[in-house]
Amino acid sequence: MRRFCGAAGHLFWTDDISLRDVLLPDIVLTHGQITDAYLLALAVQKGGKLASLDQRIPAAAVPGGADALELIAP
């Protein structure tokens, strides 16, 4: 972890958003989708990407989520 965090270009993203402020209205998430949606919203806010193997991440729940999600083929 120290090596990755010490790599050139590494940025630490503070988790300073609220899901209440970033989810689209009337979105219903399961308990298994909440963390994924939060991390995706954080990536949107920070102008980055969330890379994941999980094909079930609810990108449509977060404005800009589809553009901020990088799905990695298994």
PDB file of N, CA and C in Angstrom:
ATOM      1  N   MET A   1       0.822  -1.173   0.000  1.00  0.00           N
ATOM      2  CA  MET A   1       0.000   0.000   0.000  1.00  0.00           C
ATOM      3  C   MET A   1       0.880   1.255   0.000  1.00  0.00           C
ATOM      4  N   ARG A   2       1.922   1.243   0.814  1.00  0.00           N
ATOM      5  CA  ARG A   2       2.823   2.409   0.846  1.00  0.00           C
ATOM      6  C   ARG A   2       3.453   2.667  -0.514  1.00  0.00           C
ATOM      7  N   ARG A   3       3.795   1.582  -1.198  1.00  0.00           N
ATOM      8  CA  ARG A   3       4.415   1.734  -2.520  1.00  0.00           C
ATOM      9  C   ARG A   3       3.443   2.364  -3.516  1.00  0.00           C
ATOM     10  N   PHE A   4       2.212   1.892  -3.517  1.00  0.00           N
ATOM     11  CA  PHE A   4       1.215   2.469  -4.425  1.00  0.00           C
ATOM     12  C   PHE A   4       0.937   3.925  -4.077  1.00  0.00           C
ATOM     13  N   CYS A   5       0.801   4.218  -2.794  1.00  0.00           N
ATOM     14  CA  CYS A   5       0.518   5.588  -2.373  1.00  0.00           C
ATOM     15  C   CYS A   5       1.692   6.528  -2.644  1.00  0.00           C
ATOM     16  N   GLY A   6       2.888   5.971  -2.692  1.00  0.00           N
ATOM     17  CA  GLY A   6       4.071   6.776  -2.974  1.00  0.00           C
ATOM     18  C   GLY A   6       4.362   6.952  -4.454  1.00  0.00           C
ATOM     19  N   ALA A   7       3.582   6.315  -5.298  1.00  0.00           N
ATOM     20  CA  ALA A   7       3.806   6.395  -6.749  1.00  0.00           C
ATOM     21  C   ALA A   7       3.513   7.798  -7.263  1.00  0.00           C
ATOM     22  N   ALA A   8       4.257   8.182  -8.278  1.00  0.00           N
ATOM     23  CA  ALA A   8       4.033   9.487  -8.908  1.00  0.00           C
ATOM     24  C   ALA A   8       2.594   9.570  -9.423  1.00  0.00           C
ATOM     25  N   GLY A   9       1.971  10.685  -9.190  1.00  0.00           N
ATOM     26  CA  GLY A   9       0.608  10.895  -9.655  1.00  0.00           C
ATOM     27  C   GLY A   9      -0.469  10.419  -8.701  1.00  0.00           C
ATOM     28  N   HIS A  10      -0.069   9.763  -7.598  1.00  0.00           N
ATOM     29  CA  HIS A  10      -1.071   9.289  -6.641  1.00  0.00           C
ATOM     30  C   HIS A  10      -1.726  10.465  -5.923  1.00  0.00           C
ATOM     31  N   LEU A  11      -3.047  10.418  -5.814  1.00  0.00           N
ATOM     32  CA  LEU A  11      -3.807  11.414  -5.050  1.00  0.00           C
ATOM     33  C   LEU A  11      -4.710  10.688  -4.076  1.00  0.00           C
ATOM     34  N   PHE A  12      -4.799  11.202  -2.873  1.00  0.00           N
ATOM     35  CA  PHE A  12      -5.725  10.654  -1.895  1.00  0.00           C
ATOM     36  C   PHE A  12      -7.035  11.424  -1.996  1.00  0.00           C
ATOM     37  N   TRP A  13      -8.136  10.708  -2.165  1.00  0.00           N
ATOM     38  CA  TRP A  13      -9.452  11.349  -2.239  1.00  0.00           C
ATOM     39  C   TRP A  13     -10.134  11.243  -0.877  1.00  0.00           C
ATOM     40  N   THR A  14     -10.405  12.373  -0.265  1.00  0.00           N
ATOM     41  CA  THR A  14     -11.161  12.358   0.981  1.00  0.00           C
ATOM     42  C   THR A  14     -12.607  11.977   0.667  1.00  0.00           C
ATOM     43  N   ASP A  15     -13.215  11.253   1.577  1.00  0.00           N
ATOM     44  CA  ASP A  15     -14.620  10.882   1.352  1.00  0.00           C
ATOM     45  C   ASP A  15     -15.505  11.952   1.981  1.00  0.00           C
ATOM     46  N   ASP A  16     -15.677  13.012   1.219  1.00  0.00           N
ATOM     47  CA  ASP A  16     -16.360  14.201   1.729  1.00  0.00           C
ATOM     48  C   ASP A  16     -17.662  14.506   0.989  1.00  0.00           C
ATOM     49  N   ILE A  17     -18.329  13.461   0.522  1.00  0.00           N
ATOM     50  CA  ILE A  17     -19.618  13.648  -0.136  1.00  0.00           C
ATOM     51  C   ILE A  17     -20.675  12.859   0.624  1.00  0.00           C
ATOM     52  N   SER A  18     -21.918  13.184   0.367  1.00  0.00           N
ATOM     53  CA  SER A  18     -23.030  12.452   0.951  1.00  0.00           C
ATOM     54  C   SER A  18     -23.836  11.825  -0.175  1.00  0.00           C
ATOM     55  N   LEU A  19     -24.197  10.569  -0.025  1.00  0.00           N
ATOM     56  CA  LEU A  19     -25.025   9.925  -1.041  1.00  0.00           C
ATOM     57  C   LEU A  19     -26.336  10.662  -1.250  1.00  0.00           C
ATOM     58  N   ARG A  20     -26.844  11.292  -0.215  1.00  0.00           N
ATOM     59  CA  ARG A  20     -28.098  12.048  -0.359  1.00  0.00           C
ATOM     60  C   ARG A  20     -27.964  13.167  -1.367  1.00  0.00           C
ATOM     61  N   ASP A  21     -26.756  13.679  -1.530  1.00  0.00           N
ATOM     62  CA  ASP A  21     -26.530  14.799  -2.438  1.00  0.00           C
ATOM     63  C   ASP A  21     -26.160  14.374  -3.853  1.00  0.00           C
ATOM     64  N   VAL A  22     -25.763  13.133  -4.057  1.00  0.00           N
ATOM     65  CA  VAL A  22     -25.232  12.743  -5.363  1.00  0.00           C
ATOM     66  C   VAL A  22     -26.053  11.698  -6.108  1.00  0.00           C
ATOM     67  N   LEU A  23     -26.947  11.006  -5.438  1.00  0.00           N
ATOM     68  CA  LEU A  23     -27.772  10.017  -6.132  1.00  0.00           C
ATOM     69  C   LEU A  23     -28.918  10.691  -6.866  1.00  0.00           C
ATOM     70  N   LEU A  24     -29.307  10.110  -7.983  1.00  0.00           N
ATOM     71  CA  LEU A  24     -30.474  10.606  -8.694  1.00  0.00           C
ATOM     72  C   LEU A  24     -31.719  10.357  -7.850  1.00  0.00           C
ATOM     73  N   PRO A  25     -32.712  11.233  -7.976  1.00  0.00           N
ATOM     74  CA  PRO A  25     -33.941  11.054  -7.196  1.00  0.00           C
ATOM     75  C   PRO A  25     -34.617   9.715  -7.518  1.00  0.00           C
ATOM     76  N   ASP A  26     -35.276   9.166  -6.538  1.00  0.00           N
ATOM     77  CA  ASP A  26     -36.052   7.932  -6.676  1.00  0.00           C
ATOM     78  C   ASP A  26     -35.225   6.695  -6.979  1.00  0.00           C
ATOM     79  N   ILE A  27     -33.909   6.761  -6.777  1.00  0.00           N
ATOM     80  CA  ILE A  27     -33.063   5.587  -6.966  1.00  0.00           C
ATOM     81  C   ILE A  27     -33.177   4.698  -5.736  1.00  0.00           C
ATOM     82  N   VAL A  28     -33.356   3.423  -5.968  1.00  0.00           N
ATOM     83  CA  VAL A  28     -33.407   2.454  -4.879  1.00  0.00           C
ATOM     84  C   VAL A  28     -32.206   1.516  -5.048  1.00  0.00           C
ATOM     85  N   LEU A  29     -31.393   1.443  -4.015  1.00  0.00           N
ATOM     86  CA  LEU A  29     -30.207   0.592  -4.054  1.00  0.00           C
ATOM     87  C   LEU A  29     -30.329  -0.516  -3.021  1.00  0.00           C
ATOM     88  N   THR A  30     -29.716  -1.640  -3.318  1.00  0.00           N
ATOM     89  CA  THR A  30     -29.646  -2.715  -2.330  1.00  0.00           C
ATOM     90  C   THR A  30     -28.467  -2.432  -1.409  1.00  0.00           C
ATOM     91  N   HIS A  31     -28.404  -3.152  -0.314  1.00  0.00           N
ATOM     92  CA  HIS A  31     -27.287  -2.956   0.617  1.00  0.00           C
ATOM     93  C   HIS A  31     -25.952  -3.278  -0.060  1.00  0.00           C
ATOM     94  N   GLY A  32     -25.966  -4.146  -1.046  1.00  0.00           N
ATOM     95  CA  GLY A  32     -24.747  -4.503  -1.748  1.00  0.00           C
ATOM     96  C   GLY A  32     -24.298  -3.478  -2.781  1.00  0.00           C
ATOM     97  N   GLN A  33     -25.139  -2.500  -3.091  1.00  0.00           N
ATOM     98  CA  GLN A  33     -24.811  -1.493  -4.099  1.00  0.00           C
ATOM     99  C   GLN A  33     -24.398  -0.151  -3.505  1.00  0.00           C
ATOM    100  N   ILE A  34     -24.632   0.046  -2.231  1.00  0.00           N
ATOM    101  CA  ILE A  34     -24.406   1.364  -1.618  1.00  0.00           C
ATOM    102  C   ILE A  34     -22.945   1.789  -1.687  1.00  0.00           C
ATOM    103  N   THR A  35     -22.030   0.917  -1.299  1.00  0.00           N
ATOM    104  CA  THR A  35     -20.608   1.281  -1.323  1.00  0.00           C
ATOM    105  C   THR A  35     -20.142   1.540  -2.746  1.00  0.00           C
ATOM    106  N   ASP A  36     -20.577   0.701  -3.684  1.00  0.00           N
ATOM    107  CA  ASP A  36     -20.198   0.898  -5.083  1.00  0.00           C
ATOM    108  C   ASP A  36     -20.692   2.249  -5.599  1.00  0.00           C
ATOM    109  N   ALA A  37     -21.932   2.587  -5.293  1.00  0.00           N
ATOM    110  CA  ALA A  37     -22.492   3.867  -5.736  1.00  0.00           C
ATOM    111  C   ALA A  37     -21.736   5.034  -5.102  1.00  0.00           C
ATOM    112  N   TYR A  38     -21.368   4.886  -3.842  1.00  0.00           N
ATOM    113  CA  TYR A  38     -20.621   5.942  -3.163  1.00  0.00           C
ATOM    114  C   TYR A  38     -19.249   6.137  -3.809  1.00  0.00           C
ATOM    115  N   LEU A  39     -18.532   5.047  -4.051  1.00  0.00           N
ATOM    116  CA  LEU A  39     -17.213   5.158  -4.673  1.00  0.00           C
ATOM    117  C   LEU A  39     -17.309   5.722  -6.085  1.00  0.00           C
ATOM    118  N   LEU A  40     -18.352   5.364  -6.819  1.00  0.00           N
ATOM    119  CA  LEU A  40     -18.557   5.912  -8.150  1.00  0.00           C
ATOM    120  C   LEU A  40     -18.850   7.405  -8.074  1.00  0.00           C
ATOM    121  N   ALA A  41     -19.677   7.813  -7.137  1.00  0.00           N
ATOM    122  CA  ALA A  41     -19.972   9.238  -6.966  1.00  0.00           C
ATOM    123  C   ALA A  41     -18.722  10.016  -6.580  1.00  0.00           C
ATOM    124  N   LEU A  42     -17.886   9.425  -5.763  1.00  0.00           N
ATOM    125  CA  LEU A  42     -16.630  10.062  -5.381  1.00  0.00           C
ATOM    126  C   LEU A  42     -15.730  10.240  -6.605  1.00  0.00           C
ATOM    127  N   ALA A  43     -15.669   9.228  -7.449  1.00  0.00           N
ATOM    128  CA  ALA A  43     -14.878   9.331  -8.679  1.00  0.00           C
ATOM    129  C   ALA A  43     -15.415  10.437  -9.585  1.00  0.00           C
ATOM    130  N   VAL A  44     -16.731  10.543  -9.700  1.00  0.00           N
ATOM    131  CA  VAL A  44     -17.340  11.608 -10.508  1.00  0.00           C
ATOM    132  C   VAL A  44     -16.945  12.966  -9.951  1.00  0.00           C
ATOM    133  N   GLN A  45     -17.106  13.139  -8.632  1.00  0.00           N
ATOM    134  CA  GLN A  45     -16.811  14.428  -8.007  1.00  0.00           C
ATOM    135  C   GLN A  45     -15.346  14.819  -8.153  1.00  0.00           C
ATOM    136  N   LYS A  46     -14.443  13.850  -8.086  1.00  0.00           N
ATOM    137  CA  LYS A  46     -13.013  14.133  -8.147  1.00  0.00           C
ATOM    138  C   LYS A  46     -12.478  14.147  -9.582  1.00  0.00           C
ATOM    139  N   GLY A  47     -13.354  13.870 -10.556  1.00  0.00           N
ATOM    140  CA  GLY A  47     -12.922  13.870 -11.945  1.00  0.00           C
ATOM    141  C   GLY A  47     -12.075  12.669 -12.318  1.00  0.00           C
ATOM    142  N   GLY A  48     -12.312  11.555 -11.642  1.00  0.00           N
ATOM    143  CA  GLY A  48     -11.525  10.356 -11.888  1.00  0.00           C
ATOM    144  C   GLY A  48     -12.367   9.223 -12.419  1.00  0.00           C
ATOM    145  N   LYS A  49     -11.877   8.025 -12.248  1.00  0.00           N
ATOM    146  CA  LYS A  49     -12.562   6.815 -12.703  1.00  0.00           C
ATOM    147  C   LYS A  49     -12.565   5.784 -11.588  1.00  0.00           C
ATOM    148  N   LEU A  50     -13.629   5.027 -11.530  1.00  0.00           N
ATOM    149  CA  LEU A  50     -13.702   3.860 -10.660  1.00  0.00           C
ATOM    150  C   LEU A  50     -13.487   2.642 -11.545  1.00  0.00           C
ATOM    151  N   ALA A  51     -12.398   1.937 -11.352  1.00  0.00           N
ATOM    152  CA  ALA A  51     -12.114   0.718 -12.100  1.00  0.00           C
ATOM    153  C   ALA A  51     -12.587  -0.473 -11.279  1.00  0.00           C
ATOM    154  N   SER A  52     -13.337  -1.359 -11.922  1.00  0.00           N
ATOM    155  CA  SER A  52     -13.891  -2.491 -11.194  1.00  0.00           C
ATOM    156  C   SER A  52     -14.106  -3.690 -12.112  1.00  0.00           C
ATOM    157  N   LEU A  53     -14.051  -4.859 -11.513  1.00  0.00           N
ATOM    158  CA  LEU A  53     -14.419  -6.090 -12.207  1.00  0.00           C
ATOM    159  C   LEU A  53     -15.916  -6.357 -12.086  1.00  0.00           C
ATOM    160  N   ASP A  54     -16.577  -5.652 -11.176  1.00  0.00           N
ATOM    161  CA  ASP A  54     -17.993  -5.882 -10.874  1.00  0.00           C
ATOM    162  C   ASP A  54     -18.877  -5.277 -11.963  1.00  0.00           C
ATOM    163  N   GLN A  55     -19.508  -6.127 -12.727  1.00  0.00           N
ATOM    164  CA  GLN A  55     -20.369  -5.684 -13.830  1.00  0.00           C
ATOM    165  C   GLN A  55     -21.727  -5.184 -13.338  1.00  0.00           C
ATOM    166  N   ARG A  56     -22.004  -5.301 -12.038  1.00  0.00           N
ATOM    167  CA  ARG A  56     -23.320  -4.942 -11.501  1.00  0.00           C
ATOM    168  C   ARG A  56     -23.362  -3.567 -10.851  1.00  0.00           C
ATOM    169  N   ILE A  57     -22.321  -2.773 -10.989  1.00  0.00           N
ATOM    170  CA  ILE A  57     -22.311  -1.453 -10.362  1.00  0.00           C
ATOM    171  C   ILE A  57     -23.389  -0.587 -11.004  1.00  0.00           C
ATOM    172  N   PRO A  58     -24.233   0.051 -10.193  1.00  0.00           N
ATOM    173  CA  PRO A  58     -25.361   0.827 -10.725  1.00  0.00           C
ATOM    174  C   PRO A  58     -24.934   2.214 -11.232  1.00  0.00           C
ATOM    175  N   ALA A  59     -24.286   2.252 -12.383  1.00  0.00           N
ATOM    176  CA  ALA A  59     -23.761   3.514 -12.922  1.00  0.00           C
ATOM    177  C   ALA A  59     -24.861   4.539 -13.157  1.00  0.00           C
ATOM    178  N   ALA A  60     -26.044   4.094 -13.490  1.00  0.00           N
ATOM    179  CA  ALA A  60     -27.145   5.010 -13.778  1.00  0.00           C
ATOM    180  C   ALA A  60     -27.678   5.709 -12.525  1.00  0.00           C
ATOM    181  N   ALA A  61     -27.281   5.258 -11.356  1.00  0.00           N
ATOM    182  CA  ALA A  61     -27.754   5.855 -10.112  1.00  0.00           C
ATOM    183  C   ALA A  61     -27.081   7.190  -9.802  1.00  0.00           C
ATOM    184  N   VAL A  62     -25.936   7.431 -10.441  1.00  0.00           N
ATOM    185  CA  VAL A  62     -25.133   8.623 -10.149  1.00  0.00           C
ATOM    186  C   VAL A  62     -24.999   9.456 -11.422  1.00  0.00           C
ATOM    187  N   PRO A  63     -25.366  10.733 -11.388  1.00  0.00           N
ATOM    188  CA  PRO A  63     -25.153  11.562 -12.575  1.00  0.00           C
ATOM    189  C   PRO A  63     -23.679  11.547 -12.989  1.00  0.00           C
ATOM    190  N   GLY A  64     -23.413  11.213 -14.247  1.00  0.00           N
ATOM    191  CA  GLY A  64     -22.047  11.113 -14.733  1.00  0.00           C
ATOM    192  C   GLY A  64     -21.393   9.782 -14.429  1.00  0.00           C
ATOM    193  N   GLY A  65     -22.141   8.882 -13.816  1.00  0.00           N
ATOM    194  CA  GLY A  65     -21.595   7.589 -13.390  1.00  0.00           C
ATOM    195  C   GLY A  65     -21.104   6.714 -14.529  1.00  0.00           C
ATOM    196  N   ALA A  66     -21.813   6.715 -15.638  1.00  0.00           N
ATOM    197  CA  ALA A  66     -21.405   5.864 -16.757  1.00  0.00           C
ATOM    198  C   ALA A  66     -20.035   6.281 -17.302  1.00  0.00           C
ATOM    199  N   ASP A  67     -19.768   7.570 -17.334  1.00  0.00           N
ATOM    200  CA  ASP A  67     -18.484   8.055 -17.832  1.00  0.00           C
ATOM    201  C   ASP A  67     -17.347   7.822 -16.846  1.00  0.00           C
ATOM    202  N   ALA A  68     -17.677   7.719 -15.574  1.00  0.00           N
ATOM    203  CA  ALA A  68     -16.654   7.566 -14.536  1.00  0.00           C
ATOM    204  C   ALA A  68     -16.395   6.120 -14.162  1.00  0.00           C
ATOM    205  N   LEU A  69     -17.092   5.190 -14.813  1.00  0.00           N
ATOM    206  CA  LEU A  69     -16.930   3.778 -14.496  1.00  0.00           C
ATOM    207  C   LEU A  69     -16.121   3.089 -15.580  1.00  0.00           C
ATOM    208  N   GLU A  70     -15.056   2.438 -15.169  1.00  0.00           N
ATOM    209  CA  GLU A  70     -14.201   1.676 -16.083  1.00  0.00           C
ATOM    210  C   GLU A  70     -14.312   0.213 -15.705  1.00  0.00           C
ATOM    211  N   LEU A  71     -15.100  -0.537 -16.468  1.00  0.00           N
ATOM    212  CA  LEU A  71     -15.280  -1.959 -16.185  1.00  0.00           C
ATOM    213  C   LEU A  71     -14.124  -2.736 -16.798  1.00  0.00           C
ATOM    214  N   ILE A  72     -13.544  -3.598 -15.991  1.00  0.00           N
ATOM    215  CA  ILE A  72     -12.420  -4.424 -16.414  1.00  0.00           C
ATOM    216  C   ILE A  72     -12.968  -5.796 -16.762  1.00  0.00           C
ATOM    217  N   ALA A  73     -12.685  -6.268 -17.948  1.00  0.00           N
ATOM    218  CA  ALA A  73     -13.163  -7.581 -18.365  1.00  0.00           C
ATOM    219  C   ALA A  73     -12.498  -8.666 -17.528  1.00  0.00           C
ATOM    220  N   PRO A  74     -13.301  -9.602 -17.026  1.00  0.00           N
ATOM    221  CA  PRO A  74     -12.736 -10.684 -16.210  1.00  0.00           C
ATOM    222  C   PRO A  74     -11.862 -11.618 -17.014  1.00  0.00           C
TER     223      PRO A  74
END
